[in-house]
Amino acid sequence: MSYDGAPLHPGKGHPAVVKEGVSFMVLAVPKESGQGERRVAATPETVAKLVSMGFEVRIESRAGLAASFSDEAYAKAGATIVPDTAALWSSADLLLKVQPPAPAEADLLKPGAMLISFLWPVKNKDLIERLAARNVDAIAMDQIPRITRAQKMDALTSMASISGYRA
């Protein structure tokens, strides 16, 4: 499987996602590197949905184990399991992560890639500058407003609900 280089949106250079199998956007999910982090950025259920939309999903080996998702469950959902961390990061057109990447991880992203993660840009100015210098687009999940219109994307509210929201 390869992509034909068609842009996802003009001027960004991201490969197109198409259902006909002509081109794919490689969506990668690494194992979280932060100490004590048990979450993973995608579940086997969401991987199956992404694959059905035309993404080529790659999951780092053992990425979901702390969240009780096996490599076999991801493979059954249509993901490719990648044992090499550097190969996973450098192949990603779109990388989903829970915690902000470490500097060494950010350096593995190829120019033109996109990162979706909690980034805490005010606290992580050096990281944001590092990503910008590498021409990496980033969406900070923590910056999505906690309003009704953005509720489907509001990760902070959903995490608060899971943990027992207190006003």
Foldseek 3Di string as FASTA:
>chain_A
DAFPQDDCDPPLSATHFDQVPHHAAEEEWEADDDPPDLDTQDALVVLLVVVNSRHAYEYEAPNNVSVPGHPVSNVVSPHHYDPDLLVRQCRHQEYEGEEADDLVSLVSHAASHEYEYQYPCVVPVVSVVSNVVRNYHYDHLCPQDPDPVCPVSNPVVVVCVVVPNDD
